[in-house]
Amino acid sequence: MISPIILSSLNLSLETVQKNEILSLNNRSEEYGLYLTPQDVDNIIESRNHTLKSYGRIEIDINVTKQLIENLYTSQYTDKDEYVELINDIQEIFYYLKNETLDEVSDIEIIEIIDEFYNNCSGRIDTIQNMVEKFAHDYKYERGYR
């Protein structure tokens, strides 16, 4: 049996690596006027972990979050005042859609779908959520899941 101290240490190390990976995105996002502080990244990771738990999902790496952030900071519709909240909302939308498509759609495809919706509706989260819900409904209907 693995000691709880070892597991806690491994989890802390993983979170440190994830935090540093996200912070490294600032090297490119600053060109777009967008920057994440260490506290922002803590908020993003905490939100991600909460979302994963609420959807009953497990993910070890932070690649999805990093790709979502990269797509957001390059979009003309991303506002620096709502950057962290937007990242958290988009992460939740991603995992919602991942669950609703029963993991049959790849991460990359879902990221591309969300990115297309984001740019087509000028970054309006409520519109994106509606579009994602319709996509999920249509996806299930086409496959006979409903």
N, C-alpha and C. Protein backbone atom coordinates (compact mmCIF):
# COMPACT_ATOMS: atom_id res chain seq x y z
N MET A 1 0.83 -1.18 0.00
CA MET A 1 0.00 0.00 0.00
C MET A 1 0.88 1.25 0.00
N ILE A 2 0.50 2.23 -0.83
CA ILE A 2 1.25 3.47 -0.93
C ILE A 2 0.85 4.39 0.21
N SER A 3 1.84 4.96 0.83
CA SER A 3 1.62 5.86 1.94
C SER A 3 0.89 7.13 1.50
N PRO A 4 -0.04 7.64 2.33
CA PRO A 4 -0.72 8.89 2.00
C PRO A 4 0.27 10.06 1.85
N ILE A 5 1.37 10.01 2.57
CA ILE A 5 2.38 11.07 2.47
C ILE A 5 3.01 11.05 1.08
N ILE A 6 3.28 9.87 0.56
CA ILE A 6 3.87 9.75 -0.77
C ILE A 6 2.87 10.26 -1.81
N LEU A 7 1.61 9.86 -1.70
CA LEU A 7 0.59 10.33 -2.65
C LEU A 7 0.44 11.84 -2.60
N SER A 8 0.45 12.40 -1.41
CA SER A 8 0.34 13.85 -1.26
C SER A 8 1.52 14.55 -1.91
N SER A 9 2.71 13.98 -1.72
CA SER A 9 3.92 14.55 -2.32
C SER A 9 3.88 14.47 -3.84
N LEU A 10 3.42 13.34 -4.37
CA LEU A 10 3.30 13.19 -5.82
C LEU A 10 2.29 14.18 -6.40
N ASN A 11 1.17 14.36 -5.72
CA ASN A 11 0.14 15.29 -6.17
C ASN A 11 0.67 16.71 -6.18
N LEU A 12 1.41 17.09 -5.14
CA LEU A 12 1.99 18.43 -5.06
C LEU A 12 3.00 18.64 -6.19
N SER A 13 3.81 17.62 -6.47
CA SER A 13 4.78 17.71 -7.56
C SER A 13 4.08 17.86 -8.91
N LEU A 14 3.02 17.09 -9.13
CA LEU A 14 2.27 17.16 -10.37
C LEU A 14 1.65 18.55 -10.54
N GLU A 15 1.08 19.10 -9.49
CA GLU A 15 0.47 20.43 -9.57
C GLU A 15 1.53 21.49 -9.85
N THR A 16 2.71 21.34 -9.31
CA THR A 16 3.80 22.29 -9.57
C THR A 16 4.21 22.24 -11.04
N VAL A 17 4.32 21.04 -11.59
CA VAL A 17 4.66 20.88 -13.00
C VAL A 17 3.56 21.50 -13.87
N GLN A 18 2.30 21.20 -13.55
CA GLN A 18 1.18 21.74 -14.31
C GLN A 18 1.17 23.27 -14.25
N LYS A 19 1.38 23.81 -13.08
CA LYS A 19 1.40 25.26 -12.91
C LYS A 19 2.50 25.89 -13.77
N ASN A 20 3.68 25.31 -13.74
CA ASN A 20 4.79 25.84 -14.53
C ASN A 20 4.53 25.74 -16.03
N GLU A 21 3.88 24.66 -16.45
CA GLU A 21 3.55 24.51 -17.87
C GLU A 21 2.60 25.61 -18.33
N ILE A 22 1.60 25.90 -17.51
CA ILE A 22 0.65 26.95 -17.87
C ILE A 22 1.33 28.32 -17.83
N LEU A 23 2.12 28.56 -16.80
CA LEU A 23 2.81 29.85 -16.71
C LEU A 23 3.73 30.09 -17.89
N SER A 24 4.30 29.02 -18.44
CA SER A 24 5.20 29.17 -19.59
C SER A 24 4.47 29.70 -20.83
N LEU A 25 3.14 29.56 -20.86
CA LEU A 25 2.36 30.08 -21.98
C LEU A 25 2.41 31.61 -22.02
N ASN A 26 2.73 32.24 -20.89
CA ASN A 26 2.83 33.69 -20.85
C ASN A 26 3.88 34.23 -21.84
N ASN A 27 4.89 33.41 -22.14
CA ASN A 27 5.93 33.85 -23.08
C ASN A 27 5.33 34.24 -24.43
N ARG A 28 4.28 33.56 -24.82
CA ARG A 28 3.63 33.87 -26.10
C ARG A 28 2.38 34.73 -25.93
N SER A 29 1.63 34.51 -24.86
CA SER A 29 0.36 35.23 -24.69
C SER A 29 0.57 36.72 -24.43
N GLU A 30 1.73 37.08 -23.88
CA GLU A 30 2.01 38.50 -23.62
C GLU A 30 1.99 39.32 -24.91
N GLU A 31 2.33 38.69 -26.03
CA GLU A 31 2.27 39.38 -27.32
C GLU A 31 0.86 39.83 -27.64
N TYR A 32 -0.13 39.16 -27.05
CA TYR A 32 -1.54 39.48 -27.28
C TYR A 32 -2.13 40.31 -26.13
N GLY A 33 -1.27 40.71 -25.21
CA GLY A 33 -1.72 41.50 -24.07
C GLY A 33 -2.38 40.69 -22.97
N LEU A 34 -2.15 39.38 -22.97
CA LEU A 34 -2.78 38.50 -21.98
C LEU A 34 -1.70 37.82 -21.16
N TYR A 35 -1.90 37.81 -19.85
CA TYR A 35 -0.90 37.29 -18.94
C TYR A 35 -1.59 36.64 -17.74
N LEU A 36 -1.05 35.51 -17.31
CA LEU A 36 -1.59 34.82 -16.14
C LEU A 36 -0.59 34.92 -14.99
N THR A 37 -1.08 35.31 -13.81
CA THR A 37 -0.25 35.34 -12.61
C THR A 37 -0.23 33.93 -11.99
N PRO A 38 0.69 33.67 -11.09
CA PRO A 38 0.66 32.38 -10.40
C PRO A 38 -0.68 32.13 -9.69
N GLN A 39 -1.29 33.19 -9.15
CA GLN A 39 -2.60 33.04 -8.49
C GLN A 39 -3.68 32.69 -9.52
N ASP A 40 -3.60 33.29 -10.71
CA ASP A 40 -4.54 32.95 -11.77
C ASP A 40 -4.44 31.47 -12.13
N VAL A 41 -3.22 30.99 -12.24
CA VAL A 41 -3.00 29.59 -12.60
C VAL A 41 -3.52 28.67 -11.50
N ASP A 42 -3.31 29.04 -10.25
CA ASP A 42 -3.87 28.25 -9.15
C ASP A 42 -5.39 28.16 -9.29
N ASN A 43 -6.01 29.29 -9.62
CA ASN A 43 -7.46 29.34 -9.82
C ASN A 43 -7.88 28.43 -10.97
N ILE A 44 -7.15 28.47 -12.07
CA ILE A 44 -7.46 27.65 -13.25
C ILE A 44 -7.33 26.16 -12.92
N ILE A 45 -6.27 25.79 -12.24
CA ILE A 45 -6.06 24.38 -11.88
C ILE A 45 -7.12 23.92 -10.89
N GLU A 46 -7.45 24.76 -9.92
CA GLU A 46 -8.49 24.41 -8.96
C GLU A 46 -9.84 24.24 -9.66
N SER A 47 -10.15 25.15 -10.57
CA SER A 47 -11.40 25.05 -11.34
C SER A 47 -11.41 23.78 -12.18
N ARG A 48 -10.29 23.48 -12.84
CA ARG A 48 -10.17 22.27 -13.65
C ARG A 48 -10.41 21.03 -12.80
N ASN A 49 -9.74 20.97 -11.64
CA ASN A 49 -9.89 19.81 -10.77
C ASN A 49 -11.33 19.65 -10.29
N HIS A 50 -11.98 20.76 -9.97
CA HIS A 50 -13.39 20.71 -9.56
C HIS A 50 -14.26 20.20 -10.72
N THR A 51 -14.02 20.71 -11.91
CA THR A 51 -14.80 20.29 -13.08
C THR A 51 -14.58 18.81 -13.36
N LEU A 52 -13.33 18.36 -13.33
CA LEU A 52 -13.04 16.94 -13.55
C LEU A 52 -13.79 16.08 -12.53
N LYS A 53 -13.75 16.49 -11.29
CA LYS A 53 -14.42 15.72 -10.24
C LYS A 53 -15.93 15.70 -10.47
N SER A 54 -16.51 16.86 -10.82
CA SER A 54 -17.96 16.91 -11.00
C SER A 54 -18.42 16.07 -12.20
N TYR A 55 -17.56 15.90 -13.19
CA TYR A 55 -17.90 15.06 -14.35
C TYR A 55 -17.38 13.63 -14.21
N GLY A 56 -16.76 13.32 -13.08
CA GLY A 56 -16.26 11.97 -12.85
C GLY A 56 -15.12 11.58 -13.78
N ARG A 57 -14.27 12.55 -14.08
CA ARG A 57 -13.18 12.33 -15.02
C ARG A 57 -11.84 12.41 -14.31
N ILE A 58 -10.84 11.75 -14.89
CA ILE A 58 -9.48 11.80 -14.39
C ILE A 58 -8.57 12.17 -15.54
N GLU A 59 -7.69 13.13 -15.32
CA GLU A 59 -6.67 13.50 -16.31
C GLU A 59 -5.38 13.78 -15.59
N ILE A 60 -4.32 13.22 -16.08
CA ILE A 60 -3.02 13.41 -15.46
C ILE A 60 -2.32 14.65 -16.01
N ASP A 61 -2.34 14.80 -17.32
CA ASP A 61 -1.61 15.93 -17.92
C ASP A 61 -2.52 17.15 -18.04
N ILE A 62 -1.91 18.24 -18.42
CA ILE A 62 -2.60 19.53 -18.50
C ILE A 62 -2.72 20.00 -19.95
N ASN A 63 -2.52 19.08 -20.89
CA ASN A 63 -2.46 19.44 -22.30
C ASN A 63 -3.74 20.07 -22.83
N VAL A 64 -4.89 19.58 -22.42
CA VAL A 64 -6.16 20.15 -22.88
C VAL A 64 -6.27 21.61 -22.44
N THR A 65 -6.00 21.86 -21.18
CA THR A 65 -6.06 23.23 -20.67
C THR A 65 -5.08 24.13 -21.41
N LYS A 66 -3.89 23.65 -21.64
CA LYS A 66 -2.90 24.45 -22.36
C LYS A 66 -3.38 24.79 -23.77
N GLN A 67 -3.94 23.82 -24.47
CA GLN A 67 -4.41 24.07 -25.84
C GLN A 67 -5.59 25.03 -25.84
N LEU A 68 -6.49 24.88 -24.89
CA LEU A 68 -7.62 25.80 -24.79
C LEU A 68 -7.12 27.23 -24.56
N ILE A 69 -6.14 27.37 -23.67
CA ILE A 69 -5.57 28.70 -23.39
C ILE A 69 -4.92 29.27 -24.64
N GLU A 70 -4.16 28.45 -25.35
CA GLU A 70 -3.50 28.92 -26.57
C GLU A 70 -4.53 29.41 -27.60
N ASN A 71 -5.63 28.69 -27.74
CA ASN A 71 -6.66 29.13 -28.67
C ASN A 71 -7.31 30.43 -28.21
N LEU A 72 -7.49 30.58 -26.91
CA LEU A 72 -8.13 31.78 -26.39
C LEU A 72 -7.25 33.02 -26.54
N TYR A 73 -5.97 32.90 -26.20
CA TYR A 73 -5.16 34.11 -26.24
C TYR A 73 -4.86 34.58 -27.65
N THR A 74 -5.04 33.73 -28.64
CA THR A 74 -4.82 34.17 -30.02
C THR A 74 -6.09 34.72 -30.67
N SER A 75 -7.21 34.62 -29.98
CA SER A 75 -8.47 35.09 -30.55
C SER A 75 -8.66 36.59 -30.29
N GLN A 76 -9.17 37.26 -31.26
CA GLN A 76 -9.45 38.69 -31.11
C GLN A 76 -10.59 38.97 -30.13
N TYR A 77 -11.34 37.94 -29.76
CA TYR A 77 -12.50 38.12 -28.89
C TYR A 77 -12.18 37.94 -27.41
N THR A 78 -10.95 37.63 -27.07
CA THR A 78 -10.59 37.39 -25.68
C THR A 78 -10.24 38.71 -25.00
N ASP A 79 -10.96 38.98 -23.92
CA ASP A 79 -10.79 40.22 -23.15
C ASP A 79 -9.91 39.93 -21.93
N LYS A 80 -8.89 40.75 -21.73
CA LYS A 80 -7.95 40.49 -20.63
C LYS A 80 -8.61 40.58 -19.26
N ASP A 81 -9.68 41.36 -19.14
CA ASP A 81 -10.34 41.49 -17.84
C ASP A 81 -11.13 40.25 -17.45
N GLU A 82 -11.45 39.42 -18.41
CA GLU A 82 -12.24 38.21 -18.14
C GLU A 82 -11.47 36.94 -18.52
N TYR A 83 -10.17 37.05 -18.69
CA TYR A 83 -9.34 35.97 -19.20
C TYR A 83 -9.42 34.71 -18.34
N VAL A 84 -9.23 34.82 -17.04
CA VAL A 84 -9.23 33.64 -16.17
C VAL A 84 -10.62 33.01 -16.12
N GLU A 85 -11.63 33.83 -15.95
CA GLU A 85 -13.00 33.32 -15.93
C GLU A 85 -13.35 32.62 -17.24
N LEU A 86 -12.90 33.20 -18.33
CA LEU A 86 -13.13 32.61 -19.65
C LEU A 86 -12.45 31.24 -19.77
N ILE A 87 -11.21 31.16 -19.33
CA ILE A 87 -10.49 29.88 -19.37
C ILE A 87 -11.26 28.83 -18.56
N ASN A 88 -11.71 29.21 -17.38
CA ASN A 88 -12.45 28.26 -16.53
C ASN A 88 -13.76 27.83 -17.19
N ASP A 89 -14.46 28.77 -17.80
CA ASP A 89 -15.71 28.44 -18.49
C ASP A 89 -15.46 27.50 -19.67
N ILE A 90 -14.43 27.79 -20.44
CA ILE A 90 -14.13 26.97 -21.62
C ILE A 90 -13.68 25.57 -21.21
N GLN A 91 -12.92 25.47 -20.12
CA GLN A 91 -12.55 24.14 -19.61
C GLN A 91 -13.79 23.33 -19.27
N GLU A 92 -14.73 23.98 -18.59
CA GLU A 92 -15.95 23.27 -18.21
C GLU A 92 -16.74 22.85 -19.45
N ILE A 93 -16.82 23.72 -20.43
CA ILE A 93 -17.51 23.38 -21.68
C ILE A 93 -16.83 22.19 -22.35
N PHE A 94 -15.51 22.18 -22.35
CA PHE A 94 -14.77 21.07 -22.95
C PHE A 94 -15.17 19.74 -22.30
N TYR A 95 -15.11 19.68 -20.96
CA TYR A 95 -15.39 18.42 -20.28
C TYR A 95 -16.87 18.04 -20.36
N TYR A 96 -17.74 19.01 -20.41
CA TYR A 96 -19.16 18.73 -20.65
C TYR A 96 -19.32 18.03 -22.00
N LEU A 97 -18.71 18.61 -23.03
CA LEU A 97 -18.85 18.05 -24.37
C LEU A 97 -18.15 16.69 -24.46
N LYS A 98 -17.05 16.53 -23.79
CA LYS A 98 -16.35 15.24 -23.78
C LYS A 98 -17.26 14.16 -23.20
N ASN A 99 -17.95 14.47 -22.11
CA ASN A 99 -18.88 13.52 -21.51
C ASN A 99 -20.09 13.28 -22.41
N GLU A 100 -20.64 14.35 -22.95
CA GLU A 100 -21.87 14.23 -23.74
C GLU A 100 -21.65 13.48 -25.06
N THR A 101 -20.43 13.47 -25.56
CA THR A 101 -20.13 12.70 -26.77
C THR A 101 -19.58 11.32 -26.41
N LEU A 102 -19.69 10.97 -25.14
CA LEU A 102 -19.33 9.64 -24.65
C LEU A 102 -17.89 9.26 -24.97
N ASP A 103 -17.01 10.24 -24.98
CA ASP A 103 -15.58 10.05 -25.27
C ASP A 103 -15.33 9.49 -26.66
N GLU A 104 -16.30 9.62 -27.54
CA GLU A 104 -16.14 9.13 -28.91
C GLU A 104 -15.49 10.16 -29.83
N VAL A 105 -15.43 11.40 -29.37
CA VAL A 105 -14.81 12.47 -30.14
C VAL A 105 -13.48 12.81 -29.47
N SER A 106 -12.43 12.91 -30.25
CA SER A 106 -11.10 13.14 -29.68
C SER A 106 -11.00 14.53 -29.04
N ASP A 107 -10.04 14.66 -28.15
CA ASP A 107 -9.79 15.94 -27.50
C ASP A 107 -9.54 17.04 -28.53
N ILE A 108 -8.73 16.74 -29.51
CA ILE A 108 -8.38 17.72 -30.54
C ILE A 108 -9.63 18.17 -31.29
N GLU A 109 -10.50 17.23 -31.64
CA GLU A 109 -11.73 17.59 -32.36
C GLU A 109 -12.64 18.46 -31.51
N ILE A 110 -12.75 18.14 -30.23
CA ILE A 110 -13.59 18.95 -29.34
C ILE A 110 -13.00 20.35 -29.18
N ILE A 111 -11.69 20.43 -29.04
CA ILE A 111 -11.04 21.74 -28.94
C ILE A 111 -11.29 22.55 -30.20
N GLU A 112 -11.21 21.92 -31.36
CA GLU A 112 -11.48 22.62 -32.62
C GLU A 112 -12.93 23.08 -32.72
N ILE A 113 -13.85 22.26 -32.26
CA ILE A 113 -15.28 22.61 -32.27
C ILE A 113 -15.51 23.84 -31.38
N ILE A 114 -14.98 23.79 -30.17
CA ILE A 114 -15.14 24.91 -29.24
C ILE A 114 -14.50 26.17 -29.80
N ASP A 115 -13.33 26.04 -30.39
CA ASP A 115 -12.64 27.19 -30.97
C ASP A 115 -13.46 27.80 -32.10
N GLU A 116 -14.03 26.96 -32.94
CA GLU A 116 -14.88 27.45 -34.03
C GLU A 116 -16.10 28.17 -33.47
N PHE A 117 -16.77 27.57 -32.49
CA PHE A 117 -17.93 28.21 -31.87
C PHE A 117 -17.54 29.54 -31.24
N TYR A 118 -16.40 29.56 -30.55
CA TYR A 118 -15.94 30.77 -29.86
C TYR A 118 -15.73 31.91 -30.84
N ASN A 119 -15.08 31.63 -31.92
CA ASN A 119 -14.79 32.68 -32.90
C ASN A 119 -16.01 33.05 -33.74
N ASN A 120 -16.90 32.10 -34.00
CA ASN A 120 -18.11 32.40 -34.78
C ASN A 120 -19.12 33.24 -34.01
N CYS A 121 -19.08 33.17 -32.68
CA CYS A 121 -20.05 33.95 -31.89
C CYS A 121 -19.37 35.04 -31.08
N SER A 122 -18.22 35.48 -31.54
CA SER A 122 -17.49 36.61 -30.94
C SER A 122 -17.19 36.41 -29.45
N GLY A 123 -16.97 35.15 -29.05
CA GLY A 123 -16.55 34.85 -27.69
C GLY A 123 -17.63 34.90 -26.63
N ARG A 124 -18.87 34.92 -27.03
CA ARG A 124 -19.98 34.97 -26.06
C ARG A 124 -20.21 33.58 -25.45
N ILE A 125 -19.91 33.45 -24.18
CA ILE A 125 -19.97 32.16 -23.50
C ILE A 125 -21.39 31.57 -23.53
N ASP A 126 -22.41 32.38 -23.30
CA ASP A 126 -23.77 31.84 -23.30
C ASP A 126 -24.13 31.26 -24.66
N THR A 127 -23.69 31.91 -25.72
CA THR A 127 -23.95 31.40 -27.07
C THR A 127 -23.17 30.12 -27.31
N ILE A 128 -21.93 30.08 -26.87
CA ILE A 128 -21.11 28.87 -27.02
C ILE A 128 -21.77 27.70 -26.30
N GLN A 129 -22.24 27.95 -25.08
CA GLN A 129 -22.90 26.89 -24.31
C GLN A 129 -24.12 26.35 -25.06
N ASN A 130 -24.90 27.25 -25.63
CA ASN A 130 -26.07 26.81 -26.40
C ASN A 130 -25.66 25.99 -27.62
N MET A 131 -24.62 26.44 -28.30
CA MET A 131 -24.15 25.73 -29.49
C MET A 131 -23.62 24.35 -29.12
N VAL A 132 -22.90 24.27 -28.00
CA VAL A 132 -22.34 22.99 -27.55
C VAL A 132 -23.47 22.04 -27.14
N GLU A 133 -24.48 22.55 -26.45
CA GLU A 133 -25.61 21.70 -26.07
C GLU A 133 -26.33 21.16 -27.30
N LYS A 134 -26.52 22.00 -28.31
CA LYS A 134 -27.16 21.55 -29.54
C LYS A 134 -26.28 20.51 -30.24
N PHE A 135 -24.98 20.76 -30.29
CA PHE A 135 -24.06 19.80 -30.90
C PHE A 135 -24.16 18.45 -30.19
N ALA A 136 -24.13 18.47 -28.86
CA ALA A 136 -24.20 17.22 -28.08
C ALA A 136 -25.52 16.50 -28.33
N HIS A 137 -26.61 17.25 -28.35
CA HIS A 137 -27.92 16.65 -28.62
C HIS A 137 -27.94 16.00 -30.00
N ASP A 138 -27.51 16.75 -31.00
CA ASP A 138 -27.50 16.24 -32.38
C ASP A 138 -26.58 15.03 -32.50
N TYR A 139 -25.45 15.07 -31.81
CA TYR A 139 -24.50 13.95 -31.85
C TYR A 139 -25.15 12.68 -31.31
N LYS A 140 -25.79 12.79 -30.17
CA LYS A 140 -26.45 11.63 -29.58
C LYS A 140 -27.61 11.14 -30.44
N TYR A 141 -28.37 12.08 -30.98
CA TYR A 141 -29.53 11.72 -31.79
C TYR A 141 -29.09 10.97 -33.04
N GLU A 142 -28.04 11.47 -33.70
CA GLU A 142 -27.54 10.83 -34.92
C GLU A 142 -27.06 9.41 -34.67
N ARG A 143 -26.60 9.14 -33.48
CA ARG A 143 -26.07 7.82 -33.14
C ARG A 143 -27.10 6.95 -32.43
N GLY A 144 -28.29 7.47 -32.25
CA GLY A 144 -29.36 6.68 -31.64
C GLY A 144 -29.23 6.50 -30.15
N TYR A 145 -28.54 7.42 -29.47
CA TYR A 145 -28.37 7.31 -28.02
C TYR A 145 -29.54 7.88 -27.25
N ARG A 146 -30.43 8.56 -27.93
CA ARG A 146 -31.57 9.16 -27.21
C ARG A 146 -32.85 8.51 -27.63
